[in-house]
Amino acid sequence: MDILLVLAAVLGVPALLAALWYWSSRHNKRGNVRRGATGGMLGVVDEIFRPETHQAVQIQKIQQELPAPAPAPKPKS
């Protein structure tokens, strides 16, 4: 009986994670463009094990949200 519980846990946890990832990726849309869900799931791992990568991703997100710089004024002649 114990082997069945271990087998269910060993096979159930990856299956549950795969189902969660699939559900999240299906519901993660912006317009007609589908965005992957793995970025969010792996962001936690990056934050713990690779803080430099996590910081770089945060900086890239901020830079994408910044407005474009205003055009330079034309010189008066």
N, C-alpha and C. Protein backbone atom coordinates (compact mmCIF):
# COMPACT_ATOMS: atom_id res chain seq x y z
N MET A 1 0.81 -1.19 0.00
CA MET A 1 0.00 0.00 0.00
C MET A 1 0.87 1.26 0.00
N ASP A 2 1.99 1.21 0.71
CA ASP A 2 2.86 2.38 0.77
C ASP A 2 3.46 2.69 -0.60
N ILE A 3 3.75 1.65 -1.38
CA ILE A 3 4.35 1.87 -2.69
C ILE A 3 3.37 2.61 -3.61
N LEU A 4 2.08 2.36 -3.45
CA LEU A 4 1.09 3.05 -4.27
C LEU A 4 1.02 4.54 -3.92
N LEU A 5 1.14 4.86 -2.64
CA LEU A 5 1.14 6.27 -2.24
C LEU A 5 2.37 7.00 -2.76
N VAL A 6 3.52 6.35 -2.68
CA VAL A 6 4.76 6.95 -3.19
C VAL A 6 4.67 7.13 -4.70
N LEU A 7 4.19 6.11 -5.39
CA LEU A 7 4.05 6.17 -6.84
C LEU A 7 3.07 7.28 -7.24
N ALA A 8 1.97 7.40 -6.52
CA ALA A 8 1.00 8.45 -6.82
C ALA A 8 1.61 9.83 -6.59
N ALA A 9 2.41 9.98 -5.53
CA ALA A 9 3.04 11.27 -5.25
C ALA A 9 4.09 11.59 -6.31
N VAL A 10 4.90 10.60 -6.68
CA VAL A 10 5.98 10.82 -7.65
C VAL A 10 5.41 11.16 -9.03
N LEU A 11 4.33 10.52 -9.41
CA LEU A 11 3.73 10.79 -10.72
C LEU A 11 2.72 11.94 -10.66
N GLY A 12 2.12 12.15 -9.51
CA GLY A 12 1.08 13.16 -9.39
C GLY A 12 1.60 14.59 -9.37
N VAL A 13 2.70 14.82 -8.69
CA VAL A 13 3.24 16.18 -8.57
C VAL A 13 3.68 16.72 -9.94
N PRO A 14 4.46 15.99 -10.74
CA PRO A 14 4.79 16.52 -12.07
C PRO A 14 3.56 16.69 -12.97
N ALA A 15 2.61 15.78 -12.85
CA ALA A 15 1.39 15.91 -13.65
C ALA A 15 0.60 17.16 -13.23
N LEU A 16 0.55 17.44 -11.95
CA LEU A 16 -0.13 18.63 -11.46
C LEU A 16 0.58 19.89 -11.93
N LEU A 17 1.90 19.91 -11.88
CA LEU A 17 2.65 21.07 -12.38
C LEU A 17 2.45 21.27 -13.87
N ALA A 18 2.44 20.18 -14.63
CA ALA A 18 2.23 20.27 -16.08
C ALA A 18 0.82 20.79 -16.38
N ALA A 19 -0.17 20.33 -15.63
CA ALA A 19 -1.54 20.81 -15.84
C ALA A 19 -1.66 22.27 -15.48
N LEU A 20 -1.01 22.70 -14.41
CA LEU A 20 -1.03 24.11 -14.02
C LEU A 20 -0.36 24.98 -15.07
N TRP A 21 0.78 24.53 -15.60
CA TRP A 21 1.47 25.28 -16.64
C TRP A 21 0.61 25.38 -17.90
N TYR A 22 -0.03 24.27 -18.28
CA TYR A 22 -0.87 24.27 -19.48
C TYR A 22 -2.05 25.22 -19.30
N TRP A 23 -2.71 25.16 -18.15
CA TRP A 23 -3.85 26.03 -17.90
C TRP A 23 -3.42 27.49 -17.90
N SER A 24 -2.29 27.77 -17.27
CA SER A 24 -1.81 29.14 -17.20
C SER A 24 -1.43 29.66 -18.59
N SER A 25 -0.81 28.85 -19.41
CA SER A 25 -0.41 29.30 -20.74
C SER A 25 -1.62 29.50 -21.65
N ARG A 26 -2.68 28.74 -21.44
CA ARG A 26 -3.88 28.91 -22.26
C ARG A 26 -4.64 30.18 -21.89
N HIS A 27 -4.57 30.58 -20.63
CA HIS A 27 -5.29 31.76 -20.18
C HIS A 27 -4.43 33.01 -20.15
N ASN A 28 -3.24 32.92 -20.67
CA ASN A 28 -2.31 34.04 -20.61
C ASN A 28 -2.18 34.63 -22.01
N LYS A 29 -3.17 35.40 -22.42
CA LYS A 29 -3.17 35.97 -23.77
C LYS A 29 -3.28 37.48 -23.68
N ARG A 30 -2.71 38.13 -24.64
CA ARG A 30 -2.88 39.58 -24.79
C ARG A 30 -3.20 39.81 -26.26
N GLY A 31 -4.44 40.07 -26.55
CA GLY A 31 -4.86 40.20 -27.94
C GLY A 31 -4.83 38.83 -28.60
N ASN A 32 -4.23 38.75 -29.77
CA ASN A 32 -4.09 37.48 -30.46
C ASN A 32 -2.74 36.84 -30.21
N VAL A 33 -1.90 37.48 -29.42
CA VAL A 33 -0.57 36.98 -29.16
C VAL A 33 -0.59 36.17 -27.87
N ARG A 34 -0.12 34.95 -27.95
CA ARG A 34 -0.08 34.09 -26.78
C ARG A 34 1.28 34.26 -26.10
N ARG A 35 1.25 34.52 -24.81
CA ARG A 35 2.49 34.66 -24.06
C ARG A 35 2.72 33.37 -23.27
N GLY A 36 3.96 32.97 -23.16
CA GLY A 36 4.28 31.76 -22.42
C GLY A 36 4.16 31.95 -20.93
N ALA A 37 3.81 30.88 -20.25
CA ALA A 37 3.66 30.94 -18.80
C ALA A 37 4.93 30.57 -18.07
N THR A 38 5.88 30.01 -18.80
CA THR A 38 7.08 29.54 -18.11
C THR A 38 7.91 30.69 -17.58
N GLY A 39 7.81 31.85 -18.17
CA GLY A 39 8.58 32.99 -17.68
C GLY A 39 8.21 33.34 -16.25
N GLY A 40 6.95 33.33 -15.94
CA GLY A 40 6.52 33.61 -14.58
C GLY A 40 6.89 32.53 -13.60
N MET A 41 6.80 31.30 -14.04
CA MET A 41 7.12 30.19 -13.15
C MET A 41 8.62 30.12 -12.88
N LEU A 42 9.42 30.42 -13.88
CA LEU A 42 10.86 30.35 -13.70
C LEU A 42 11.43 31.62 -13.08
N GLY A 43 10.63 32.68 -13.03
CA GLY A 43 11.10 33.91 -12.41
C GLY A 43 11.42 33.73 -10.94
N VAL A 44 10.67 32.88 -10.26
CA VAL A 44 10.93 32.61 -8.85
C VAL A 44 12.27 31.89 -8.70
N VAL A 45 12.54 30.95 -9.59
CA VAL A 45 13.80 30.21 -9.54
C VAL A 45 14.96 31.15 -9.82
N ASP A 46 14.80 32.05 -10.79
CA ASP A 46 15.84 33.03 -11.08
C ASP A 46 16.10 33.94 -9.88
N GLU A 47 15.03 34.34 -9.22
CA GLU A 47 15.18 35.25 -8.08
C GLU A 47 15.98 34.60 -6.96
N ILE A 48 15.83 33.31 -6.79
CA ILE A 48 16.53 32.61 -5.70
C ILE A 48 17.94 32.22 -6.11
N PHE A 49 18.08 31.57 -7.26
CA PHE A 49 19.37 30.98 -7.61
C PHE A 49 20.23 31.86 -8.51
N ARG A 50 19.62 32.79 -9.27
CA ARG A 50 20.38 33.66 -10.15
C ARG A 50 19.87 35.09 -10.02
N PRO A 51 20.23 35.76 -8.93
CA PRO A 51 19.67 37.10 -8.70
C PRO A 51 20.06 38.11 -9.76
N GLU A 52 21.24 37.95 -10.38
CA GLU A 52 21.64 38.89 -11.43
C GLU A 52 20.71 38.81 -12.63
N THR A 53 20.32 37.60 -13.01
CA THR A 53 19.40 37.41 -14.12
C THR A 53 18.04 38.00 -13.79
N HIS A 54 17.60 37.79 -12.58
CA HIS A 54 16.31 38.33 -12.15
C HIS A 54 16.33 39.86 -12.22
N GLN A 55 17.42 40.46 -11.76
CA GLN A 55 17.55 41.91 -11.82
C GLN A 55 17.54 42.41 -13.27
N ALA A 56 18.23 41.70 -14.15
CA ALA A 56 18.28 42.10 -15.55
C ALA A 56 16.89 42.05 -16.18
N VAL A 57 16.12 41.03 -15.86
CA VAL A 57 14.76 40.93 -16.39
C VAL A 57 13.89 42.06 -15.87
N GLN A 58 14.04 42.40 -14.59
CA GLN A 58 13.27 43.50 -14.02
C GLN A 58 13.61 44.82 -14.71
N ILE A 59 14.89 45.04 -14.99
CA ILE A 59 15.33 46.26 -15.67
C ILE A 59 14.76 46.31 -17.09
N GLN A 60 14.76 45.18 -17.79
CA GLN A 60 14.20 45.13 -19.14
C GLN A 60 12.71 45.45 -19.13
N LYS A 61 11.98 44.95 -18.14
CA LYS A 61 10.55 45.25 -18.05
C LYS A 61 10.32 46.74 -17.83
N ILE A 62 11.13 47.35 -16.97
CA ILE A 62 10.99 48.78 -16.71
C ILE A 62 11.31 49.58 -17.96
N GLN A 63 12.35 49.19 -18.69
CA GLN A 63 12.73 49.91 -19.90
C GLN A 63 11.66 49.80 -20.98
N GLN A 64 10.96 48.70 -21.05
CA GLN A 64 9.90 48.55 -22.04
C GLN A 64 8.70 49.43 -21.70
N GLU A 65 8.49 49.71 -20.42
CA GLU A 65 7.36 50.51 -20.00
C GLU A 65 7.63 52.00 -20.13
N LEU A 66 8.89 52.41 -20.22
CA LEU A 66 9.22 53.83 -20.33
C LEU A 66 8.76 54.38 -21.66
N PRO A 67 8.26 55.62 -21.69
CA PRO A 67 7.84 56.21 -22.96
C PRO A 67 9.05 56.54 -23.83
N ALA A 68 8.80 56.64 -25.11
CA ALA A 68 9.88 57.00 -26.03
C ALA A 68 10.33 58.43 -25.77
N PRO A 69 11.60 58.71 -25.95
CA PRO A 69 12.07 60.09 -25.71
C PRO A 69 11.45 61.04 -26.72
N ALA A 70 11.26 62.28 -26.28
CA ALA A 70 10.70 63.31 -27.15
C ALA A 70 11.70 63.64 -28.26
N PRO A 71 11.22 63.98 -29.45
CA PRO A 71 12.16 64.34 -30.52
C PRO A 71 12.91 65.63 -30.18
N ALA A 72 14.12 65.74 -30.68
CA ALA A 72 14.95 66.92 -30.45
C ALA A 72 14.35 68.11 -31.19
N PRO A 73 14.42 69.28 -30.59
CA PRO A 73 13.87 70.44 -31.29
C PRO A 73 14.71 70.77 -32.52
N LYS A 74 14.03 71.29 -33.54
CA LYS A 74 14.73 71.65 -34.78
C LYS A 74 15.48 72.96 -34.56
N PRO A 75 16.69 73.06 -35.07
CA PRO A 75 17.44 74.31 -34.87
C PRO A 75 16.80 75.45 -35.67
N LYS A 76 16.84 76.64 -35.07
CA LYS A 76 16.28 77.81 -35.74
C LYS A 76 17.35 78.42 -36.64
N SER A 77 17.02 78.62 -37.88
CA SER A 77 17.99 79.22 -38.80
C SER A 77 17.49 80.52 -39.35
